[in-house]
Structures are given as C-alpha cells and as structure tokens.
Amino acid sequence: GPKFERPLKDEKDVMALKVPEAGSLQYVFDAVTQIR
C-alpha cells in the first residue's frame, strides 16, 4: 500500500506544513474535466 518518504515526525515537520500550491494538483483537475 501507500507510504510517505517524509512523514510528519516532529514539531518542526508539522509547523512547516502548508496548503499545497494551486498548480501542484492540476493533473487531478485536468482529469476531472477530461472525464466529464
């Protein structure tokens, strides 16, 4: 199954977490439009 190379191990990792940049998931939105 799925795994992450860089899981959230400590406070530093957690506090660095941010909402993804808009374009980073564009492949998903392109797929939605193409499927529809």
PDB file of all heavy atoms in Angstrom:
ATOM      1  N   GLY A   1       0.800  -1.218   0.000  1.00  0.00           N
ATOM      2  CA  GLY A   1       0.000   0.000   0.000  1.00  0.00           C
ATOM      3  C   GLY A   1       0.829   1.263   0.000  1.00  0.00           C
ATOM      4  O   GLY A   1       2.056   1.234  -0.167  1.00  0.00           O
ATOM      5  N   PRO A   2       0.175   2.417   0.212  1.00  0.00           N
ATOM      6  CA  PRO A   2       0.856   3.714   0.112  1.00  0.00           C
ATOM      7  C   PRO A   2       1.775   3.994   1.302  1.00  0.00           C
ATOM      8  O   PRO A   2       1.497   3.587   2.432  1.00  0.00           O
ATOM      9  CB  PRO A   2      -0.314   4.708   0.088  1.00  0.00           C
ATOM     10  CG  PRO A   2      -1.411   4.013   0.833  1.00  0.00           C
ATOM     11  CD  PRO A   2      -1.261   2.545   0.508  1.00  0.00           C
ATOM     12  N   LYS A   3       2.859   4.703   1.005  1.00  0.00           N
ATOM     13  CA  LYS A   3       3.794   5.133   2.053  1.00  0.00           C
ATOM     14  C   LYS A   3       4.288   6.537   1.726  1.00  0.00           C
ATOM     15  O   LYS A   3       4.211   6.986   0.580  1.00  0.00           O
ATOM     16  CB  LYS A   3       4.994   4.182   2.135  1.00  0.00           C
ATOM     17  CG  LYS A   3       4.648   2.777   2.613  1.00  0.00           C
ATOM     18  CD  LYS A   3       5.901   1.940   2.826  1.00  0.00           C
ATOM     19  CE  LYS A   3       5.556   0.556   3.365  1.00  0.00           C
ATOM     20  NZ  LYS A   3       6.780  -0.236   3.648  1.00  0.00           N
ATOM     21  N   PHE A   4       4.784   7.227   2.752  1.00  0.00           N
ATOM     22  CA  PHE A   4       5.373   8.547   2.561  1.00  0.00           C
ATOM     23  C   PHE A   4       6.858   8.521   2.893  1.00  0.00           C
ATOM     24  O   PHE A   4       7.265   7.947   3.903  1.00  0.00           O
ATOM     25  CB  PHE A   4       4.664   9.598   3.427  1.00  0.00           C
ATOM     26  CG  PHE A   4       3.334  10.019   2.895  1.00  0.00           C
ATOM     27  CD1 PHE A   4       2.166   9.732   3.582  1.00  0.00           C
ATOM     28  CD2 PHE A   4       3.240  10.703   1.689  1.00  0.00           C
ATOM     29  CE1 PHE A   4       0.929  10.124   3.089  1.00  0.00           C
ATOM     30  CE2 PHE A   4       2.011  11.097   1.179  1.00  0.00           C
ATOM     31  CZ  PHE A   4       0.853  10.802   1.879  1.00  0.00           C
ATOM     32  N   GLU A   5       7.630   9.158   2.022  1.00  0.00           N
ATOM     33  CA  GLU A   5       9.079   9.244   2.262  1.00  0.00           C
ATOM     34  C   GLU A   5       9.399  10.169   3.433  1.00  0.00           C
ATOM     35  O   GLU A   5      10.371   9.958   4.147  1.00  0.00           O
ATOM     36  CB  GLU A   5       9.778   9.781   1.000  1.00  0.00           C
ATOM     37  CG  GLU A   5       9.697   8.871  -0.198  1.00  0.00           C
ATOM     38  CD  GLU A   5      10.231   9.519  -1.464  1.00  0.00           C
ATOM     39  OE1 GLU A   5      10.689  10.692  -1.382  1.00  0.00           O
ATOM     40  OE2 GLU A   5      10.186   8.875  -2.523  1.00  0.00           O
ATOM     41  N   ARG A   6       8.573  11.207   3.613  1.00  0.00           N
ATOM     42  CA  ARG A   6       8.860  12.219   4.638  1.00  0.00           C
ATOM     43  C   ARG A   6       7.639  12.430   5.533  1.00  0.00           C
ATOM     44  O   ARG A   6       6.978  13.478   5.463  1.00  0.00           O
ATOM     45  CB  ARG A   6       9.257  13.539   3.959  1.00  0.00           C
ATOM     46  CG  ARG A   6      10.558  13.429   3.165  1.00  0.00           C
ATOM     47  CD  ARG A   6      10.851  14.678   2.366  1.00  0.00           C
ATOM     48  NE  ARG A   6       9.940  14.841   1.246  1.00  0.00           N
ATOM     49  CZ  ARG A   6      10.063  14.202   0.076  1.00  0.00           C
ATOM     50  NH1 ARG A   6      11.064  13.355  -0.122  1.00  0.00           N
ATOM     51  NH2 ARG A   6       9.199  14.402  -0.909  1.00  0.00           N
ATOM     52  N   PRO A   7       7.302  11.455   6.393  1.00  0.00           N
ATOM     53  CA  PRO A   7       6.160  11.636   7.292  1.00  0.00           C
ATOM     54  C   PRO A   7       6.436  12.731   8.322  1.00  0.00           C
ATOM     55  O   PRO A   7       7.588  13.158   8.503  1.00  0.00           O
ATOM     56  CB  PRO A   7       6.017  10.268   7.963  1.00  0.00           C
ATOM     57  CG  PRO A   7       7.373   9.651   7.863  1.00  0.00           C
ATOM     58  CD  PRO A   7       7.969  10.148   6.581  1.00  0.00           C
ATOM     59  N   LEU A   8       5.377  13.173   8.984  1.00  0.00           N
ATOM     60  CA  LEU A   8       5.492  14.243   9.976  1.00  0.00           C
ATOM     61  C   LEU A   8       5.963  13.649  11.301  1.00  0.00           C
ATOM     62  O   LEU A   8       5.177  13.058  12.043  1.00  0.00           O
ATOM     63  CB  LEU A   8       4.142  14.938  10.143  1.00  0.00           C
ATOM     64  CG  LEU A   8       3.516  15.488   8.855  1.00  0.00           C
ATOM     65  CD1 LEU A   8       2.143  16.087   9.141  1.00  0.00           C
ATOM     66  CD2 LEU A   8       4.438  16.521   8.201  1.00  0.00           C
ATOM     67  N   LYS A   9       7.243  13.804  11.613  1.00  0.00           N
ATOM     68  CA  LYS A   9       7.836  13.143  12.774  1.00  0.00           C
ATOM     69  C   LYS A   9       7.919  14.028  14.012  1.00  0.00           C
ATOM     70  O   LYS A   9       7.941  13.533  15.135  1.00  0.00           O
ATOM     71  CB  LYS A   9       9.238  12.628  12.428  1.00  0.00           C
ATOM     72  CG  LYS A   9       9.252  11.490  11.421  1.00  0.00           C
ATOM     73  CD  LYS A   9      10.653  10.975  11.225  1.00  0.00           C
ATOM     74  CE  LYS A   9      10.687   9.777  10.286  1.00  0.00           C
ATOM     75  NZ  LYS A   9       9.979   8.605  10.810  1.00  0.00           N
ATOM     76  N   ASP A  10       8.030  15.336  13.819  1.00  0.00           N
ATOM     77  CA  ASP A  10       8.237  16.207  14.981  1.00  0.00           C
ATOM     78  C   ASP A  10       7.590  17.574  14.756  1.00  0.00           C
ATOM     79  O   ASP A  10       6.974  17.822  13.707  1.00  0.00           O
ATOM     80  CB  ASP A  10       9.739  16.372  15.267  1.00  0.00           C
ATOM     81  CG  ASP A  10      10.527  16.823  14.043  1.00  0.00           C
ATOM     82  OD1 ASP A  10       9.976  17.596  13.220  1.00  0.00           O
ATOM     83  OD2 ASP A  10      11.691  16.416  13.895  1.00  0.00           O
ATOM     84  N   GLU A  11       7.746  18.439  15.739  1.00  0.00           N
ATOM     85  CA  GLU A  11       7.106  19.754  15.682  1.00  0.00           C
ATOM     86  C   GLU A  11       7.557  20.568  14.475  1.00  0.00           C
ATOM     87  O   GLU A  11       6.748  21.248  13.837  1.00  0.00           O
ATOM     88  CB  GLU A  11       7.396  20.531  16.971  1.00  0.00           C
ATOM     89  CG  GLU A  11       6.694  21.869  17.042  1.00  0.00           C
ATOM     90  CD  GLU A  11       6.745  22.480  18.427  1.00  0.00           C
ATOM     91  OE1 GLU A  11       7.202  21.807  19.359  1.00  0.00           O
ATOM     92  OE2 GLU A  11       6.297  23.641  18.561  1.00  0.00           O
ATOM     93  N   LYS A  12       8.819  20.462  14.145  1.00  0.00           N
ATOM     94  CA  LYS A  12       9.341  21.208  13.004  1.00  0.00           C
ATOM     95  C   LYS A  12       8.637  20.789  11.708  1.00  0.00           C
ATOM     96  O   LYS A  12       8.256  21.633  10.887  1.00  0.00           O
ATOM     97  CB  LYS A  12      10.848  20.986  12.880  1.00  0.00           C
ATOM     98  CG  LYS A  12      11.501  21.757  11.746  1.00  0.00           C
ATOM     99  CD  LYS A  12      12.990  21.447  11.662  1.00  0.00           C
ATOM    100  CE  LYS A  12      13.625  22.155  10.470  1.00  0.00           C
ATOM    101  NZ  LYS A  12      15.056  21.804  10.328  1.00  0.00           N
ATOM    102  N   ASP A  13       8.482  19.482  11.532  1.00  0.00           N
ATOM    103  CA  ASP A  13       7.786  18.978  10.343  1.00  0.00           C
ATOM    104  C   ASP A  13       6.349  19.488  10.295  1.00  0.00           C
ATOM    105  O   ASP A  13       5.856  19.923   9.248  1.00  0.00           O
ATOM    106  CB  ASP A  13       7.751  17.441  10.351  1.00  0.00           C
ATOM    107  CG  ASP A  13       9.123  16.815  10.189  1.00  0.00           C
ATOM    108  OD1 ASP A  13      10.024  17.492   9.664  1.00  0.00           O
ATOM    109  OD2 ASP A  13       9.281  15.648  10.606  1.00  0.00           O
ATOM    110  N   VAL A  14       5.676  19.418  11.433  1.00  0.00           N
ATOM    111  CA  VAL A  14       4.268  19.813  11.483  1.00  0.00           C
ATOM    112  C   VAL A  14       4.107  21.294  11.184  1.00  0.00           C
ATOM    113  O   VAL A  14       3.241  21.702  10.390  1.00  0.00           O
ATOM    114  CB  VAL A  14       3.664  19.468  12.860  1.00  0.00           C
ATOM    115  CG1 VAL A  14       2.262  20.071  12.996  1.00  0.00           C
ATOM    116  CG2 VAL A  14       3.606  17.954  13.060  1.00  0.00           C
ATOM    117  N   MET A  15       4.924  22.129  11.810  1.00  0.00           N
ATOM    118  CA  MET A  15       4.763  23.572  11.652  1.00  0.00           C
ATOM    119  C   MET A  15       5.150  24.051  10.253  1.00  0.00           C
ATOM    120  O   MET A  15       4.770  25.147   9.836  1.00  0.00           O
ATOM    121  CB  MET A  15       5.560  24.316  12.717  1.00  0.00           C
ATOM    122  CG  MET A  15       5.124  23.998  14.143  1.00  0.00           C
ATOM    123  SD  MET A  15       3.322  24.001  14.419  1.00  0.00           S
ATOM    124  CE  MET A  15       2.948  25.747  14.153  1.00  0.00           C
ATOM    125  N   ALA A  16       5.904  23.223   9.525  1.00  0.00           N
ATOM    126  CA  ALA A  16       6.280  23.587   8.152  1.00  0.00           C
ATOM    127  C   ALA A  16       5.191  23.242   7.148  1.00  0.00           C
ATOM    128  O   ALA A  16       5.257  23.632   5.977  1.00  0.00           O
ATOM    129  CB  ALA A  16       7.576  22.878   7.769  1.00  0.00           C
ATOM    130  N   LEU A  17       4.171  22.529   7.602  1.00  0.00           N
ATOM    131  CA  LEU A  17       3.108  22.062   6.717  1.00  0.00           C
ATOM    132  C   LEU A  17       2.278  23.230   6.193  1.00  0.00           C
ATOM    133  O   LEU A  17       1.875  24.111   6.952  1.00  0.00           O
ATOM    134  CB  LEU A  17       2.208  21.097   7.490  1.00  0.00           C
ATOM    135  CG  LEU A  17       1.330  20.138   6.690  1.00  0.00           C
ATOM    136  CD1 LEU A  17       2.177  19.160   5.896  1.00  0.00           C
ATOM    137  CD2 LEU A  17       0.393  19.390   7.646  1.00  0.00           C
ATOM    138  N   LYS A  18       2.023  23.225   4.893  1.00  0.00           N
ATOM    139  CA  LYS A  18       1.237  24.298   4.270  1.00  0.00           C
ATOM    140  C   LYS A  18       0.242  23.722   3.268  1.00  0.00           C
ATOM    141  O   LYS A  18       0.454  22.636   2.728  1.00  0.00           O
ATOM    142  CB  LYS A  18       2.159  25.279   3.533  1.00  0.00           C
ATOM    143  CG  LYS A  18       3.084  26.076   4.443  1.00  0.00           C
ATOM    144  CD  LYS A  18       3.963  27.008   3.617  1.00  0.00           C
ATOM    145  CE  LYS A  18       4.906  27.808   4.523  1.00  0.00           C
ATOM    146  NZ  LYS A  18       5.818  28.669   3.722  1.00  0.00           N
ATOM    147  N   VAL A  19      -0.822  24.480   3.018  1.00  0.00           N
ATOM    148  CA  VAL A  19      -1.766  24.119   1.955  1.00  0.00           C
ATOM    149  C   VAL A  19      -0.993  24.084   0.641  1.00  0.00           C
ATOM    150  O   VAL A  19      -0.181  24.969   0.372  1.00  0.00           O
ATOM    151  CB  VAL A  19      -2.912  25.149   1.889  1.00  0.00           C
ATOM    152  CG1 VAL A  19      -3.794  24.902   0.674  1.00  0.00           C
ATOM    153  CG2 VAL A  19      -3.732  25.102   3.175  1.00  0.00           C
ATOM    154  N   PRO A  20      -1.201  23.059  -0.194  1.00  0.00           N
ATOM    155  CA  PRO A  20      -0.435  22.948  -1.442  1.00  0.00           C
ATOM    156  C   PRO A  20      -0.637  24.140  -2.374  1.00  0.00           C
ATOM    157  O   PRO A  20      -1.700  24.783  -2.361  1.00  0.00           O
ATOM    158  CB  PRO A  20      -0.984  21.670  -2.091  1.00  0.00           C
ATOM    159  CG  PRO A  20      -1.643  20.918  -0.999  1.00  0.00           C
ATOM    160  CD  PRO A  20      -2.132  21.932  -0.017  1.00  0.00           C
ATOM    161  N   GLU A  21       0.370  24.414  -3.160  1.00  0.00           N
ATOM    162  CA  GLU A  21       0.247  25.434  -4.211  1.00  0.00           C
ATOM    163  C   GLU A  21      -0.832  24.999  -5.205  1.00  0.00           C
ATOM    164  O   GLU A  21      -1.004  23.800  -5.479  1.00  0.00           O
ATOM    165  CB  GLU A  21       1.582  25.582  -4.948  1.00  0.00           C
ATOM    166  CG  GLU A  21       2.733  26.093  -4.094  1.00  0.00           C
ATOM    167  CD  GLU A  21       2.580  27.554  -3.722  1.00  0.00           C
ATOM    168  OE1 GLU A  21       1.943  28.287  -4.501  1.00  0.00           O
ATOM    169  OE2 GLU A  21       3.068  27.948  -2.642  1.00  0.00           O
ATOM    170  N   ALA A  22      -1.514  25.977  -5.747  1.00  0.00           N
ATOM    171  CA  ALA A  22      -2.666  25.704  -6.621  1.00  0.00           C
ATOM    172  C   ALA A  22      -2.315  24.765  -7.774  1.00  0.00           C
ATOM    173  O   ALA A  22      -3.072  23.853  -8.104  1.00  0.00           O
ATOM    174  CB  ALA A  22      -3.237  27.011  -7.152  1.00  0.00           C
ATOM    175  N   GLY A  23      -1.171  24.966  -8.399  1.00  0.00           N
ATOM    176  CA  GLY A  23      -0.838  24.184  -9.589  1.00  0.00           C
ATOM    177  C   GLY A  23      -0.361  22.781  -9.314  1.00  0.00           C
ATOM    178  O   GLY A  23      -0.266  21.956 -10.236  1.00  0.00           O
ATOM    179  N   SER A  24      -0.075  22.453  -8.038  1.00  0.00           N
ATOM    180  CA  SER A  24       0.519  21.148  -7.728  1.00  0.00           C
ATOM    181  C   SER A  24      -0.451  19.990  -7.940  1.00  0.00           C
ATOM    182  O   SER A  24      -0.028  18.840  -8.049  1.00  0.00           O
ATOM    183  CB  SER A  24       1.033  21.135  -6.288  1.00  0.00           C
ATOM    184  OG  SER A  24      -0.037  21.382  -5.380  1.00  0.00           O
ATOM    185  N   LEU A  25      -1.735  20.283  -7.984  1.00  0.00           N
ATOM    186  CA  LEU A  25      -2.741  19.242  -8.187  1.00  0.00           C
ATOM    187  C   LEU A  25      -3.502  19.427  -9.497  1.00  0.00           C
ATOM    188  O   LEU A  25      -4.583  18.868  -9.690  1.00  0.00           O
ATOM    189  CB  LEU A  25      -3.714  19.213  -7.008  1.00  0.00           C
ATOM    190  CG  LEU A  25      -3.098  18.686  -5.709  1.00  0.00           C
ATOM    191  CD1 LEU A  25      -3.915  19.109  -4.497  1.00  0.00           C
ATOM    192  CD2 LEU A  25      -2.971  17.168  -5.765  1.00  0.00           C
ATOM    193  N   GLN A  26      -2.909  20.175 -10.412  1.00  0.00           N
ATOM    194  CA  GLN A  26      -3.578  20.463 -11.678  1.00  0.00           C
ATOM    195  C   GLN A  26      -3.890  19.196 -12.460  1.00  0.00           C
ATOM    196  O   GLN A  26      -4.908  19.114 -13.169  1.00  0.00           O
ATOM    197  CB  GLN A  26      -2.731  21.411 -12.537  1.00  0.00           C
ATOM    198  CG  GLN A  26      -3.429  21.934 -13.779  1.00  0.00           C
ATOM    199  CD  GLN A  26      -4.711  22.704 -13.461  1.00  0.00           C
ATOM    200  OE1 GLN A  26      -4.724  23.540 -12.559  1.00  0.00           O
ATOM    201  NE2 GLN A  26      -5.781  22.426 -14.201  1.00  0.00           N
ATOM    202  N   TYR A  27      -3.049  18.172 -12.329  1.00  0.00           N
ATOM    203  CA  TYR A  27      -3.299  16.921 -13.060  1.00  0.00           C
ATOM    204  C   TYR A  27      -4.636  16.298 -12.646  1.00  0.00           C
ATOM    205  O   TYR A  27      -5.305  15.658 -13.463  1.00  0.00           O
ATOM    206  CB  TYR A  27      -2.144  15.926 -12.851  1.00  0.00           C
ATOM    207  CG  TYR A  27      -2.009  15.378 -11.441  1.00  0.00           C
ATOM    208  CD1 TYR A  27      -2.648  14.197 -11.070  1.00  0.00           C
ATOM    209  CD2 TYR A  27      -1.230  16.027 -10.489  1.00  0.00           C
ATOM    210  CE1 TYR A  27      -2.523  13.687  -9.791  1.00  0.00           C
ATOM    211  CE2 TYR A  27      -1.098  15.531  -9.203  1.00  0.00           C
ATOM    212  CZ  TYR A  27      -1.748  14.366  -8.857  1.00  0.00           C
ATOM    213  OH  TYR A  27      -1.630  13.872  -7.579  1.00  0.00           O
ATOM    214  N   VAL A  28      -5.026  16.507 -11.376  1.00  0.00           N
ATOM    215  CA  VAL A  28      -6.322  15.994 -10.924  1.00  0.00           C
ATOM    216  C   VAL A  28      -7.453  16.771 -11.586  1.00  0.00           C
ATOM    217  O   VAL A  28      -8.416  16.189 -12.100  1.00  0.00           O
ATOM    218  CB  VAL A  28      -6.445  16.092  -9.387  1.00  0.00           C
ATOM    219  CG1 VAL A  28      -7.841  15.646  -8.947  1.00  0.00           C
ATOM    220  CG2 VAL A  28      -5.380  15.247  -8.701  1.00  0.00           C
ATOM    221  N   PHE A  29      -7.343  18.083 -11.607  1.00  0.00           N
ATOM    222  CA  PHE A  29      -8.404  18.915 -12.173  1.00  0.00           C
ATOM    223  C   PHE A  29      -8.511  18.713 -13.679  1.00  0.00           C
ATOM    224  O   PHE A  29      -9.612  18.696 -14.240  1.00  0.00           O
ATOM    225  CB  PHE A  29      -8.165  20.387 -11.830  1.00  0.00           C
ATOM    226  CG  PHE A  29      -7.824  20.604 -10.373  1.00  0.00           C
ATOM    227  CD1 PHE A  29      -6.807  21.459  -9.988  1.00  0.00           C
ATOM    228  CD2 PHE A  29      -8.517  19.908  -9.379  1.00  0.00           C
ATOM    229  CE1 PHE A  29      -6.488  21.633  -8.657  1.00  0.00           C
ATOM    230  CE2 PHE A  29      -8.204  20.079  -8.035  1.00  0.00           C
ATOM    231  CZ  PHE A  29      -7.183  20.947  -7.673  1.00  0.00           C
ATOM    232  N   ASP A  30      -7.360  18.505 -14.330  1.00  0.00           N
ATOM    233  CA  ASP A  30      -7.380  18.197 -15.763  1.00  0.00           C
ATOM    234  C   ASP A  30      -8.104  16.880 -16.014  1.00  0.00           C
ATOM    235  O   ASP A  30      -8.864  16.739 -16.985  1.00  0.00           O
ATOM    236  CB  ASP A  30      -5.955  18.117 -16.319  1.00  0.00           C
ATOM    237  CG  ASP A  30      -5.270  19.481 -16.386  1.00  0.00           C
ATOM    238  OD1 ASP A  30      -5.975  20.504 -16.305  1.00  0.00           O
ATOM    239  OD2 ASP A  30      -4.028  19.517 -16.517  1.00  0.00           O
ATOM    240  N   ALA A  31      -7.851  15.902 -15.127  1.00  0.00           N
ATOM    241  CA  ALA A  31      -8.523  14.605 -15.268  1.00  0.00           C
ATOM    242  C   ALA A  31     -10.030  14.752 -15.089  1.00  0.00           C
ATOM    243  O   ALA A  31     -10.819  14.156 -15.829  1.00  0.00           O
ATOM    244  CB  ALA A  31      -7.963  13.611 -14.251  1.00  0.00           C
ATOM    245  N   VAL A  32     -10.456  15.550 -14.099  1.00  0.00           N
ATOM    246  CA  VAL A  32     -11.888  15.758 -13.874  1.00  0.00           C
ATOM    247  C   VAL A  32     -12.561  16.304 -15.133  1.00  0.00           C
ATOM    248  O   VAL A  32     -13.596  15.793 -15.587  1.00  0.00           O
ATOM    249  CB  VAL A  32     -12.120  16.723 -12.684  1.00  0.00           C
ATOM    250  CG1 VAL A  32     -13.598  17.136 -12.612  1.00  0.00           C
ATOM    251  CG2 VAL A  32     -11.699  16.074 -11.378  1.00  0.00           C
ATOM    252  N   THR A  33     -11.958  17.333 -15.721  1.00  0.00           N
ATOM    253  CA  THR A  33     -12.538  17.934 -16.926  1.00  0.00           C
ATOM    254  C   THR A  33     -12.554  16.947 -18.087  1.00  0.00           C
ATOM    255  O   THR A  33     -13.542  16.842 -18.824  1.00  0.00           O
ATOM    256  CB  THR A  33     -11.748  19.196 -17.316  1.00  0.00           C
ATOM    257  OG1 THR A  33     -11.786  20.128 -16.233  1.00  0.00           O
ATOM    258  CG2 THR A  33     -12.339  19.852 -18.558  1.00  0.00           C
ATOM    259  N   GLN A  34     -11.469  16.202 -18.239  1.00  0.00           N
ATOM    260  CA  GLN A  34     -11.389  15.243 -19.343  1.00  0.00           C
ATOM    261  C   GLN A  34     -12.406  14.120 -19.166  1.00  0.00           C
ATOM    262  O   GLN A  34     -13.058  13.692 -20.134  1.00  0.00           O
ATOM    263  CB  GLN A  34      -9.959  14.684 -19.425  1.00  0.00           C
ATOM    264  CG  GLN A  34      -9.693  13.896 -20.698  1.00  0.00           C
ATOM    265  CD  GLN A  34      -8.209  13.612 -20.889  1.00  0.00           C
ATOM    266  OE1 GLN A  34      -7.349  14.402 -20.516  1.00  0.00           O
ATOM    267  NE2 GLN A  34      -7.900  12.458 -21.461  1.00  0.00           N
ATOM    268  N   ILE A  35     -12.567  13.636 -17.923  1.00  0.00           N
ATOM    269  CA  ILE A  35     -13.534  12.562 -17.653  1.00  0.00           C
ATOM    270  C   ILE A  35     -14.952  13.054 -17.896  1.00  0.00           C
ATOM    271  O   ILE A  35     -15.763  12.379 -18.548  1.00  0.00           O
ATOM    272  CB  ILE A  35     -13.387  12.049 -16.205  1.00  0.00           C
ATOM    273  CG1 ILE A  35     -12.031  11.358 -16.011  1.00  0.00           C
ATOM    274  CG2 ILE A  35     -14.512  11.079 -15.864  1.00  0.00           C
ATOM    275  CD1 ILE A  35     -11.640  11.168 -14.557  1.00  0.00           C
ATOM    276  N   ARG A  36     -15.256  14.240 -17.363  1.00  0.00           N
ATOM    277  CA  ARG A  36     -16.608  14.804 -17.541  1.00  0.00           C
ATOM    278  C   ARG A  36     -16.930  14.951 -19.030  1.00  0.00           C
ATOM    279  O   ARG A  36     -18.046  14.652 -19.472  1.00  0.00           O
ATOM    280  CB  ARG A  36     -16.683  16.151 -16.826  1.00  0.00           C
ATOM    281  CG  ARG A  36     -17.978  16.935 -17.035  1.00  0.00           C
ATOM    282  CD  ARG A  36     -19.127  16.480 -16.141  1.00  0.00           C
ATOM    283  NE  ARG A  36     -20.336  17.233 -16.483  1.00  0.00           N
ATOM    284  CZ  ARG A  36     -20.685  18.401 -15.955  1.00  0.00           C
ATOM    285  NH1 ARG A  36     -19.917  18.967 -15.032  1.00  0.00           N
ATOM    286  NH2 ARG A  36     -21.805  19.007 -16.321  1.00  0.00           N
TER     287      ARG A  36
END
